[in-house]
Amino acid sequence: MIDRGGAAKATGELLLEHRSVLFAWWHRLREGRWARSTFQWYVGPLRQSFRAELERGSRSRCPKTAATCLELLARERALWTFTRVEGLDPTNNSAERRLRHAVLWRKSSYGTQSHYGSRFVEAILTVVSSCQQQGRNVLAYLTAGCRAFATRTQVPSLAPPTVS
């Protein structure tokens, strides 16, 4: 938005200012200098102000900025989930780190040559990533999956075991 100039620039700068304040507060929480309740107390008015800026931006004369603000408004509640749910980060950095291996593989191998190849890579990378996150043996899971397919029995679940 800032790079678009004009009214879009002003909207982008205000939203960026909100982000800077939010992350300063987030770091205080993460470092243990603030309790979650303190963080949530401060975030309430910031969230209202952020929403007001998005609403103003949705009326921007810049169509791209207006569209972006409308998209964010439609997902506004989800943007703040990390303030309500302990253990969630406000960024997708950990997800991006988990995808790094797949991105590097795609770049070094030039991807796949067919739709089916792409589906296979998606599936196998999902299995590997899920098993690694859960501390499960990838080869054991794949072996059990192939055995289930060959014997026409139920394929083992990739979902983590539920804790009772």
C-alpha atoms as a PDB file:
ATOM      1  CA  MET A   1       0.000   0.000   0.000  1.00  0.00           C
ATOM      2  CA  ILE A   2       2.790   2.380   0.906  1.00  0.00           C
ATOM      3  CA  ASP A   3       4.470   1.831  -2.461  1.00  0.00           C
ATOM      4  CA  ARG A   4       1.235   2.722  -4.279  1.00  0.00           C
ATOM      5  CA  GLY A   5       1.453   6.310  -3.030  1.00  0.00           C
ATOM      6  CA  GLY A   6      -1.397   8.767  -2.486  1.00  0.00           C
ATOM      7  CA  ALA A   7      -4.257   7.743  -0.212  1.00  0.00           C
ATOM      8  CA  ALA A   8      -3.002   4.154  -0.292  1.00  0.00           C
ATOM      9  CA  LYS A   9       0.323   5.268   1.184  1.00  0.00           C
ATOM     10  CA  ALA A  10      -1.362   6.978   4.136  1.00  0.00           C
ATOM     11  CA  THR A  11      -3.465   3.877   4.863  1.00  0.00           C
ATOM     12  CA  GLY A  12      -0.412   1.615   4.614  1.00  0.00           C
ATOM     13  CA  GLU A  13       1.627   3.811   6.935  1.00  0.00           C
ATOM     14  CA  LEU A  14      -1.112   3.841   9.587  1.00  0.00           C
ATOM     15  CA  LEU A  15      -1.532   0.067   9.410  1.00  0.00           C
ATOM     16  CA  LEU A  16       2.238  -0.398   9.609  1.00  0.00           C
ATOM     17  CA  GLU A  17       2.319   1.798  12.709  1.00  0.00           C
ATOM     18  CA  HIS A  18      -0.311  -0.459  14.329  1.00  0.00           C
ATOM     19  CA  ARG A  19       1.800  -3.480  13.450  1.00  0.00           C
ATOM     20  CA  SER A  20       4.895  -1.933  15.032  1.00  0.00           C
ATOM     21  CA  VAL A  21       3.086  -1.226  18.303  1.00  0.00           C
ATOM     22  CA  LEU A  22       1.490  -4.683  18.340  1.00  0.00           C
ATOM     23  CA  PHE A  23       4.815  -6.456  17.870  1.00  0.00           C
ATOM     24  CA  ALA A  24       6.508  -4.352  20.541  1.00  0.00           C
ATOM     25  CA  TRP A  25       3.781  -5.501  22.942  1.00  0.00           C
ATOM     26  CA  TRP A  26       3.999  -9.090  21.663  1.00  0.00           C
ATOM     27  CA  HIS A  27       7.717  -9.178  22.443  1.00  0.00           C
ATOM     28  CA  ARG A  28       6.999  -7.991  25.994  1.00  0.00           C
ATOM     29  CA  LEU A  29       4.546 -10.877  26.399  1.00  0.00           C
ATOM     30  CA  ARG A  30       6.846 -13.448  24.829  1.00  0.00           C
ATOM     31  CA  GLU A  31       9.821 -12.341  26.954  1.00  0.00           C
ATOM     32  CA  GLY A  32       7.710 -12.648  30.115  1.00  0.00           C
ATOM     33  CA  ARG A  33       7.713  -8.936  30.907  1.00  0.00           C
ATOM     34  CA  TRP A  34       3.910  -8.819  30.490  1.00  0.00           C
ATOM     35  CA  ALA A  35       1.167 -11.185  31.575  1.00  0.00           C
ATOM     36  CA  ARG A  36      -1.225 -12.340  28.857  1.00  0.00           C
ATOM     37  CA  SER A  37      -4.011 -10.369  30.543  1.00  0.00           C
ATOM     38  CA  THR A  38      -1.945  -7.168  30.307  1.00  0.00           C
ATOM     39  CA  PHE A  39      -1.243  -7.842  26.644  1.00  0.00           C
ATOM     40  CA  GLN A  40      -4.930  -8.470  25.945  1.00  0.00           C
ATOM     41  CA  TRP A  41      -5.918  -5.300  27.812  1.00  0.00           C
ATOM     42  CA  TYR A  42      -3.604  -3.200  25.632  1.00  0.00           C
ATOM     43  CA  VAL A  43      -4.553  -4.977  22.416  1.00  0.00           C
ATOM     44  CA  GLY A  44      -8.302  -4.238  22.755  1.00  0.00           C
ATOM     45  CA  PRO A  45      -8.128  -0.524  21.832  1.00  0.00           C
ATOM     46  CA  LEU A  46      -5.391  -1.171  19.252  1.00  0.00           C
ATOM     47  CA  ARG A  47      -7.618  -3.733  17.564  1.00  0.00           C
ATOM     48  CA  GLN A  48     -10.501  -1.243  17.428  1.00  0.00           C
ATOM     49  CA  SER A  49      -8.219   1.402  15.944  1.00  0.00           C
ATOM     50  CA  PHE A  50      -6.839  -1.095  13.413  1.00  0.00           C
ATOM     51  CA  ARG A  51     -10.370  -2.024  12.368  1.00  0.00           C
ATOM     52  CA  ALA A  52     -11.264   1.657  11.965  1.00  0.00           C
ATOM     53  CA  GLU A  53      -8.227   2.141   9.697  1.00  0.00           C
ATOM     54  CA  LEU A  54      -9.257  -0.881   7.622  1.00  0.00           C
ATOM     55  CA  GLU A  55     -12.771   0.532   7.308  1.00  0.00           C
ATOM     56  CA  ARG A  56     -11.347   3.880   6.150  1.00  0.00           C
ATOM     57  CA  GLY A  57      -9.025   2.062   3.786  1.00  0.00           C
ATOM     58  CA  SER A  58     -11.937   0.074   2.340  1.00  0.00           C
ATOM     59  CA  ARG A  59     -13.288   3.394   1.060  1.00  0.00           C
ATOM     60  CA  SER A  60      -9.966   4.381  -0.493  1.00  0.00           C
ATOM     61  CA  ARG A  61      -9.851   5.838  -3.975  1.00  0.00           C
ATOM     62  CA  CYS A  62      -7.194   3.216  -4.712  1.00  0.00           C
ATOM     63  CA  PRO A  63      -9.110   0.079  -5.785  1.00  0.00           C
ATOM     64  CA  LYS A  64      -6.317  -2.322  -4.746  1.00  0.00           C
ATOM     65  CA  THR A  65      -6.064  -0.801  -1.285  1.00  0.00           C
ATOM     66  CA  ALA A  66      -9.830  -0.824  -0.853  1.00  0.00           C
ATOM     67  CA  ALA A  67      -9.951  -4.497  -1.893  1.00  0.00           C
ATOM     68  CA  THR A  68      -7.112  -5.458   0.463  1.00  0.00           C
ATOM     69  CA  CYS A  69      -8.785  -3.681   3.381  1.00  0.00           C
ATOM     70  CA  LEU A  70     -12.096  -5.402   2.622  1.00  0.00           C
ATOM     71  CA  GLU A  71     -10.359  -8.798   2.559  1.00  0.00           C
ATOM     72  CA  LEU A  72      -8.704  -8.079   5.896  1.00  0.00           C
ATOM     73  CA  LEU A  73     -11.986  -6.895   7.381  1.00  0.00           C
ATOM     74  CA  ALA A  74     -13.633 -10.141   6.280  1.00  0.00           C
ATOM     75  CA  ARG A  75     -10.954 -12.054   8.215  1.00  0.00           C
ATOM     76  CA  GLU A  76     -10.483  -9.540  11.016  1.00  0.00           C
ATOM     77  CA  ARG A  77     -11.434 -11.893  13.852  1.00  0.00           C
ATOM     78  CA  ALA A  78      -8.985 -14.542  12.630  1.00  0.00           C
ATOM     79  CA  LEU A  79      -6.166 -11.976  12.510  1.00  0.00           C
ATOM     80  CA  TRP A  80      -6.355 -11.670  16.284  1.00  0.00           C
ATOM     81  CA  THR A  81      -6.622 -15.372  17.197  1.00  0.00           C
ATOM     82  CA  PHE A  82      -3.096 -15.331  18.627  1.00  0.00           C
ATOM     83  CA  THR A  83      -4.239 -12.823  21.264  1.00  0.00           C
ATOM     84  CA  ARG A  84      -6.889 -15.242  22.518  1.00  0.00           C
ATOM     85  CA  VAL A  85      -5.137 -18.591  22.130  1.00  0.00           C
ATOM     86  CA  GLU A  86      -1.977 -19.185  24.095  1.00  0.00           C
ATOM     87  CA  GLY A  87       0.803 -20.850  22.104  1.00  0.00           C
ATOM     88  CA  LEU A  88      -0.060 -19.241  18.765  1.00  0.00           C
ATOM     89  CA  ASP A  89       2.329 -16.817  17.128  1.00  0.00           C
ATOM     90  CA  PRO A  90       1.151 -13.708  15.278  1.00  0.00           C
ATOM     91  CA  THR A  91       3.210 -14.704  12.225  1.00  0.00           C
ATOM     92  CA  ASN A  92       3.431 -17.692   9.936  1.00  0.00           C
ATOM     93  CA  ASN A  93       7.226 -17.942  10.327  1.00  0.00           C
ATOM     94  CA  SER A  94       7.155 -21.466  11.769  1.00  0.00           C
ATOM     95  CA  ALA A  95       4.944 -22.687   8.906  1.00  0.00           C
ATOM     96  CA  GLU A  96       7.293 -21.101   6.383  1.00  0.00           C
ATOM     97  CA  ARG A  97      10.258 -22.820   8.024  1.00  0.00           C
ATOM     98  CA  ARG A  98       8.463 -26.175   7.756  1.00  0.00           C
ATOM     99  CA  LEU A  99       7.847 -25.550   4.038  1.00  0.00           C
ATOM    100  CA  ARG A 100      11.443 -24.538   3.318  1.00  0.00           C
ATOM    101  CA  HIS A 101      12.543 -28.105   2.516  1.00  0.00           C
ATOM    102  CA  ALA A 102       9.723 -28.504  -0.020  1.00  0.00           C
ATOM    103  CA  VAL A 103      10.525 -25.159  -1.657  1.00  0.00           C
ATOM    104  CA  LEU A 104      14.223 -26.014  -1.928  1.00  0.00           C
ATOM    105  CA  TRP A 105      13.365 -29.428  -3.385  1.00  0.00           C
ATOM    106  CA  ARG A 106      11.077 -27.833  -5.986  1.00  0.00           C
ATOM    107  CA  LYS A 107      13.738 -25.298  -6.990  1.00  0.00           C
ATOM    108  CA  SER A 108      16.515 -27.863  -7.291  1.00  0.00           C
ATOM    109  CA  SER A 109      14.417 -30.466  -9.132  1.00  0.00           C
ATOM    110  CA  TYR A 110      12.460 -28.032 -11.339  1.00  0.00           C
ATOM    111  CA  GLY A 111       9.206 -29.342  -9.900  1.00  0.00           C
ATOM    112  CA  THR A 112       7.114 -32.060 -11.478  1.00  0.00           C
ATOM    113  CA  GLN A 113       6.079 -32.761 -15.038  1.00  0.00           C
ATOM    114  CA  SER A 114       2.415 -33.604 -14.516  1.00  0.00           C
ATOM    115  CA  HIS A 115      -0.641 -32.966 -12.396  1.00  0.00           C
ATOM    116  CA  TYR A 116      -0.282 -36.464 -10.909  1.00  0.00           C
ATOM    117  CA  GLY A 117       3.363 -35.843 -10.080  1.00  0.00           C
ATOM    118  CA  SER A 118       2.392 -32.628  -8.289  1.00  0.00           C
ATOM    119  CA  ARG A 119      -0.305 -34.443  -6.296  1.00  0.00           C
ATOM    120  CA  PHE A 120       2.209 -37.157  -5.334  1.00  0.00           C
ATOM    121  CA  VAL A 121       4.755 -34.606  -4.132  1.00  0.00           C
ATOM    122  CA  GLU A 122       2.084 -32.765  -2.130  1.00  0.00           C
ATOM    123  CA  ALA A 123       0.995 -36.012  -0.485  1.00  0.00           C
ATOM    124  CA  ILE A 124       4.460 -37.352   0.290  1.00  0.00           C
ATOM    125  CA  LEU A 125       5.666 -34.026   1.682  1.00  0.00           C
ATOM    126  CA  THR A 126       2.539 -33.828   3.856  1.00  0.00           C
ATOM    127  CA  VAL A 127       3.241 -37.317   5.204  1.00  0.00           C
ATOM    128  CA  VAL A 128       6.904 -36.556   5.892  1.00  0.00           C
ATOM    129  CA  SER A 129       6.164 -33.223   7.570  1.00  0.00           C
ATOM    130  CA  SER A 130       3.274 -34.591   9.654  1.00  0.00           C
ATOM    131  CA  CYS A 131       5.259 -37.603  10.824  1.00  0.00           C
ATOM    132  CA  GLN A 132       8.278 -35.461  11.717  1.00  0.00           C
ATOM    133  CA  GLN A 133       6.145 -32.994  13.702  1.00  0.00           C
ATOM    134  CA  GLN A 134       4.616 -35.879  15.647  1.00  0.00           C
ATOM    135  CA  GLY A 135       7.899 -37.732  16.169  1.00  0.00           C
ATOM    136  CA  ARG A 136       6.632 -40.680  14.106  1.00  0.00           C
ATOM    137  CA  ASN A 137       8.778 -42.872  11.876  1.00  0.00           C
ATOM    138  CA  VAL A 138       8.100 -41.862   8.260  1.00  0.00           C
ATOM    139  CA  LEU A 139       9.151 -45.199   6.767  1.00  0.00           C
ATOM    140  CA  ALA A 140       6.972 -47.123   9.242  1.00  0.00           C
ATOM    141  CA  TYR A 141       3.967 -44.944   8.362  1.00  0.00           C
ATOM    142  CA  LEU A 142       4.525 -45.326   4.604  1.00  0.00           C
ATOM    143  CA  THR A 143       4.994 -49.089   4.988  1.00  0.00           C
ATOM    144  CA  ALA A 144       1.749 -49.345   6.976  1.00  0.00           C
ATOM    145  CA  GLY A 145      -0.016 -47.217   4.350  1.00  0.00           C
ATOM    146  CA  CYS A 146       1.181 -49.418   1.473  1.00  0.00           C
ATOM    147  CA  ARG A 147       0.250 -52.570   3.390  1.00  0.00           C
ATOM    148  CA  ALA A 148      -3.243 -51.167   4.066  1.00  0.00           C
ATOM    149  CA  PHE A 149      -3.671 -50.289   0.391  1.00  0.00           C
ATOM    150  CA  ALA A 150      -2.531 -53.755  -0.726  1.00  0.00           C
ATOM    151  CA  THR A 151      -4.857 -55.521   1.712  1.00  0.00           C
ATOM    152  CA  ARG A 152      -7.717 -53.080   1.144  1.00  0.00           C
ATOM    153  CA  THR A 153      -7.845 -52.119   4.815  1.00  0.00           C
ATOM    154  CA  GLN A 154      -8.032 -48.689   6.363  1.00  0.00           C
ATOM    155  CA  VAL A 155      -4.970 -46.501   5.813  1.00  0.00           C
ATOM    156  CA  PRO A 156      -3.438 -45.268   9.082  1.00  0.00           C
ATOM    157  CA  SER A 157      -4.377 -41.749  10.089  1.00  0.00           C
ATOM    158  CA  LEU A 158      -1.934 -38.884   9.807  1.00  0.00           C
ATOM    159  CA  ALA A 159      -3.789 -37.004  12.521  1.00  0.00           C
ATOM    160  CA  PRO A 160      -1.912 -36.820  15.802  1.00  0.00           C
ATOM    161  CA  PRO A 161      -3.239 -39.122  18.496  1.00  0.00           C
ATOM    162  CA  THR A 162      -5.818 -37.441  20.720  1.00  0.00           C
ATOM    163  CA  VAL A 163      -4.870 -36.851  24.318  1.00  0.00           C
ATOM    164  CA  SER A 164      -7.510 -37.950  26.797  1.00  0.00           C
END
